[in-house]
Amino acid sequence: MTIEERIKNFLVDEMEINPAKINPDARLKEDMGIDSLEVVDTVVFVEREFGFKMKSEEFKDIKTFGQFVDYITERVG
């Protein structure tokens, strides 16, 4: 399973986001409805799933699903 698929599965299963809304250009807050509490859950998911610490502040700079996937891909290598 790719990094993108793992993230998408988390967003669909845990955040109950409609899979049709998830695409590289989808904005995390505006289009997918991820709020500040869900940011915390997402940061915990990243740490657990990908094995590195992500600060909530770093998440603020990530605007789209595609940027989120790229960020994790760069960190995981």
N, C-alpha and C. Protein backbone atom coordinates (compact mmCIF):
# COMPACT_ATOMS: atom_id res chain seq x y z
N MET A 1 0.85 -1.18 0.00
CA MET A 1 0.00 0.00 0.00
C MET A 1 0.90 1.24 0.00
N THR A 2 0.57 2.20 -0.84
CA THR A 2 1.38 3.42 -0.94
C THR A 2 1.12 4.34 0.25
N ILE A 3 2.00 5.32 0.40
CA ILE A 3 1.81 6.32 1.44
C ILE A 3 0.48 7.04 1.23
N GLU A 4 0.20 7.39 -0.02
CA GLU A 4 -1.05 8.09 -0.32
C GLU A 4 -2.26 7.25 0.07
N GLU A 5 -2.22 5.96 -0.23
CA GLU A 5 -3.35 5.07 0.11
C GLU A 5 -3.51 4.95 1.62
N ARG A 6 -2.40 4.86 2.35
CA ARG A 6 -2.47 4.75 3.81
C ARG A 6 -3.10 6.00 4.42
N ILE A 7 -2.71 7.17 3.91
CA ILE A 7 -3.27 8.42 4.42
C ILE A 7 -4.75 8.51 4.06
N LYS A 8 -5.09 8.18 2.83
CA LYS A 8 -6.48 8.24 2.38
C LYS A 8 -7.36 7.30 3.22
N ASN A 9 -6.88 6.09 3.47
CA ASN A 9 -7.64 5.14 4.29
C ASN A 9 -7.90 5.71 5.69
N PHE A 10 -6.88 6.34 6.27
CA PHE A 10 -7.03 6.95 7.59
C PHE A 10 -8.10 8.04 7.55
N LEU A 11 -8.03 8.91 6.54
CA LEU A 11 -8.99 10.01 6.45
C LEU A 11 -10.41 9.52 6.26
N VAL A 12 -10.57 8.46 5.49
CA VAL A 12 -11.91 7.90 5.24
C VAL A 12 -12.41 7.15 6.47
N ASP A 13 -11.57 6.27 7.03
CA ASP A 13 -12.00 5.42 8.14
C ASP A 13 -12.12 6.16 9.47
N GLU A 14 -11.12 6.98 9.79
CA GLU A 14 -11.09 7.63 11.10
C GLU A 14 -11.76 9.01 11.12
N MET A 15 -11.60 9.76 10.04
CA MET A 15 -12.15 11.12 9.99
C MET A 15 -13.51 11.15 9.28
N GLU A 16 -13.89 10.01 8.70
CA GLU A 16 -15.17 9.87 8.00
C GLU A 16 -15.32 10.90 6.88
N ILE A 17 -14.24 11.11 6.15
CA ILE A 17 -14.26 12.02 5.00
C ILE A 17 -14.68 11.23 3.77
N ASN A 18 -15.56 11.79 3.00
CA ASN A 18 -16.03 11.16 1.77
C ASN A 18 -14.84 10.97 0.83
N PRO A 19 -14.57 9.73 0.38
CA PRO A 19 -13.42 9.49 -0.50
C PRO A 19 -13.45 10.32 -1.78
N ALA A 20 -14.63 10.70 -2.24
CA ALA A 20 -14.74 11.51 -3.45
C ALA A 20 -14.14 12.91 -3.26
N LYS A 21 -14.03 13.35 -2.01
CA LYS A 21 -13.47 14.67 -1.72
C LYS A 21 -11.95 14.66 -1.64
N ILE A 22 -11.35 13.48 -1.64
CA ILE A 22 -9.91 13.37 -1.44
C ILE A 22 -9.20 13.26 -2.79
N ASN A 23 -8.49 14.32 -3.13
CA ASN A 23 -7.66 14.34 -4.33
C ASN A 23 -6.49 15.28 -4.07
N PRO A 24 -5.46 15.26 -4.90
CA PRO A 24 -4.26 16.06 -4.60
C PRO A 24 -4.51 17.55 -4.39
N ASP A 25 -5.52 18.10 -5.05
CA ASP A 25 -5.79 19.53 -4.92
C ASP A 25 -6.79 19.88 -3.81
N ALA A 26 -7.34 18.87 -3.16
CA ALA A 26 -8.33 19.10 -2.10
C ALA A 26 -7.66 19.79 -0.91
N ARG A 27 -8.26 20.90 -0.49
CA ARG A 27 -7.75 21.63 0.66
C ARG A 27 -8.20 20.91 1.94
N LEU A 28 -7.27 20.72 2.85
CA LEU A 28 -7.54 19.93 4.05
C LEU A 28 -8.66 20.54 4.89
N LYS A 29 -8.61 21.83 5.14
CA LYS A 29 -9.62 22.46 5.99
C LYS A 29 -10.89 22.79 5.21
N GLU A 30 -10.74 23.52 4.12
CA GLU A 30 -11.91 24.03 3.40
C GLU A 30 -12.69 22.93 2.68
N ASP A 31 -11.99 22.03 1.99
CA ASP A 31 -12.68 21.02 1.17
C ASP A 31 -12.98 19.74 1.95
N MET A 32 -12.05 19.35 2.82
CA MET A 32 -12.21 18.08 3.53
C MET A 32 -12.71 18.25 4.96
N GLY A 33 -12.73 19.48 5.45
CA GLY A 33 -13.32 19.77 6.76
C GLY A 33 -12.50 19.33 7.96
N ILE A 34 -11.19 19.24 7.81
CA ILE A 34 -10.36 18.84 8.95
C ILE A 34 -10.22 20.04 9.88
N ASP A 35 -10.68 19.86 11.14
CA ASP A 35 -10.62 20.96 12.11
C ASP A 35 -9.42 20.79 13.03
N SER A 36 -9.27 21.70 13.99
CA SER A 36 -8.08 21.70 14.84
C SER A 36 -7.95 20.44 15.68
N LEU A 37 -9.05 19.88 16.16
CA LEU A 37 -8.97 18.63 16.92
C LEU A 37 -8.54 17.47 16.03
N GLU A 38 -9.02 17.47 14.80
CA GLU A 38 -8.64 16.40 13.88
C GLU A 38 -7.18 16.53 13.44
N VAL A 39 -6.64 17.75 13.48
CA VAL A 39 -5.22 17.93 13.20
C VAL A 39 -4.40 17.14 14.21
N VAL A 40 -4.79 17.22 15.48
CA VAL A 40 -4.08 16.49 16.53
C VAL A 40 -4.14 14.98 16.25
N ASP A 41 -5.32 14.48 15.91
CA ASP A 41 -5.46 13.06 15.58
C ASP A 41 -4.60 12.67 14.38
N THR A 42 -4.52 13.56 13.42
CA THR A 42 -3.75 13.29 12.21
C THR A 42 -2.26 13.25 12.52
N VAL A 43 -1.79 14.16 13.38
CA VAL A 43 -0.39 14.17 13.79
C VAL A 43 -0.04 12.87 14.52
N VAL A 44 -0.92 12.42 15.39
CA VAL A 44 -0.72 11.16 16.11
C VAL A 44 -0.67 9.99 15.12
N PHE A 45 -1.56 9.99 14.14
CA PHE A 45 -1.57 8.95 13.10
C PHE A 45 -0.24 8.93 12.36
N VAL A 46 0.27 10.08 11.97
CA VAL A 46 1.54 10.15 11.24
C VAL A 46 2.66 9.55 12.08
N GLU A 47 2.72 9.91 13.36
CA GLU A 47 3.76 9.38 14.24
C GLU A 47 3.66 7.86 14.36
N ARG A 48 2.46 7.37 14.51
CA ARG A 48 2.24 5.94 14.69
C ARG A 48 2.49 5.17 13.39
N GLU A 49 1.97 5.68 12.30
CA GLU A 49 2.00 4.97 11.02
C GLU A 49 3.34 5.06 10.31
N PHE A 50 4.00 6.23 10.42
CA PHE A 50 5.20 6.46 9.63
C PHE A 50 6.47 6.60 10.47
N GLY A 51 6.33 6.63 11.79
CA GLY A 51 7.48 6.56 12.68
C GLY A 51 8.31 7.81 12.82
N PHE A 52 7.72 8.98 12.64
CA PHE A 52 8.45 10.21 12.92
C PHE A 52 7.52 11.22 13.58
N LYS A 53 8.12 12.11 14.35
CA LYS A 53 7.34 13.14 15.05
C LYS A 53 7.01 14.28 14.10
N MET A 54 5.77 14.66 14.11
CA MET A 54 5.30 15.79 13.31
C MET A 54 4.69 16.80 14.28
N LYS A 55 5.12 18.05 14.18
CA LYS A 55 4.58 19.09 15.05
C LYS A 55 3.30 19.65 14.43
N SER A 56 2.37 20.01 15.28
CA SER A 56 1.12 20.61 14.80
C SER A 56 1.39 21.86 13.98
N GLU A 57 2.45 22.60 14.35
CA GLU A 57 2.79 23.82 13.61
C GLU A 57 3.15 23.49 12.16
N GLU A 58 3.83 22.35 11.95
CA GLU A 58 4.20 21.94 10.60
C GLU A 58 2.94 21.69 9.76
N PHE A 59 1.94 21.17 10.40
CA PHE A 59 0.69 20.86 9.69
C PHE A 59 0.03 22.13 9.17
N LYS A 60 0.22 23.25 9.87
CA LYS A 60 -0.41 24.51 9.47
C LYS A 60 0.07 24.98 8.10
N ASP A 61 1.30 24.61 7.72
CA ASP A 61 1.85 25.03 6.43
C ASP A 61 1.37 24.14 5.29
N ILE A 62 0.74 23.03 5.63
CA ILE A 62 0.27 22.08 4.62
C ILE A 62 -1.19 22.41 4.31
N LYS A 63 -1.45 22.78 3.08
CA LYS A 63 -2.79 23.24 2.72
C LYS A 63 -3.63 22.19 1.99
N THR A 64 -2.98 21.33 1.18
CA THR A 64 -3.73 20.38 0.36
C THR A 64 -3.34 18.94 0.68
N PHE A 65 -4.19 18.02 0.25
CA PHE A 65 -3.90 16.59 0.42
C PHE A 65 -2.60 16.23 -0.28
N GLY A 66 -2.39 16.76 -1.48
CA GLY A 66 -1.16 16.48 -2.22
C GLY A 66 0.08 16.95 -1.47
N GLN A 67 0.01 18.14 -0.86
CA GLN A 67 1.14 18.64 -0.07
C GLN A 67 1.39 17.75 1.15
N PHE A 68 0.33 17.25 1.74
CA PHE A 68 0.44 16.37 2.90
C PHE A 68 1.15 15.07 2.52
N VAL A 69 0.74 14.48 1.40
CA VAL A 69 1.38 13.24 0.92
C VAL A 69 2.85 13.51 0.61
N ASP A 70 3.14 14.63 -0.06
CA ASP A 70 4.53 14.97 -0.40
C ASP A 70 5.37 15.15 0.85
N TYR A 71 4.82 15.83 1.86
CA TYR A 71 5.53 16.06 3.11
C TYR A 71 5.94 14.72 3.75
N ILE A 72 4.99 13.80 3.85
CA ILE A 72 5.28 12.52 4.48
C ILE A 72 6.27 11.72 3.63
N THR A 73 6.09 11.73 2.32
CA THR A 73 6.99 11.02 1.42
C THR A 73 8.42 11.51 1.58
N GLU A 74 8.60 12.82 1.69
CA GLU A 74 9.94 13.39 1.87
C GLU A 74 10.55 12.97 3.20
N ARG A 75 9.75 12.91 4.25
CA ARG A 75 10.26 12.55 5.58
C ARG A 75 10.58 11.06 5.67
N VAL A 76 9.76 10.23 5.02
CA VAL A 76 9.94 8.78 5.11
C VAL A 76 11.05 8.33 4.16
N GLY A 77 11.13 9.02 3.02
CA GLY A 77 12.16 8.71 2.04
C GLY A 77 11.81 7.49 1.27
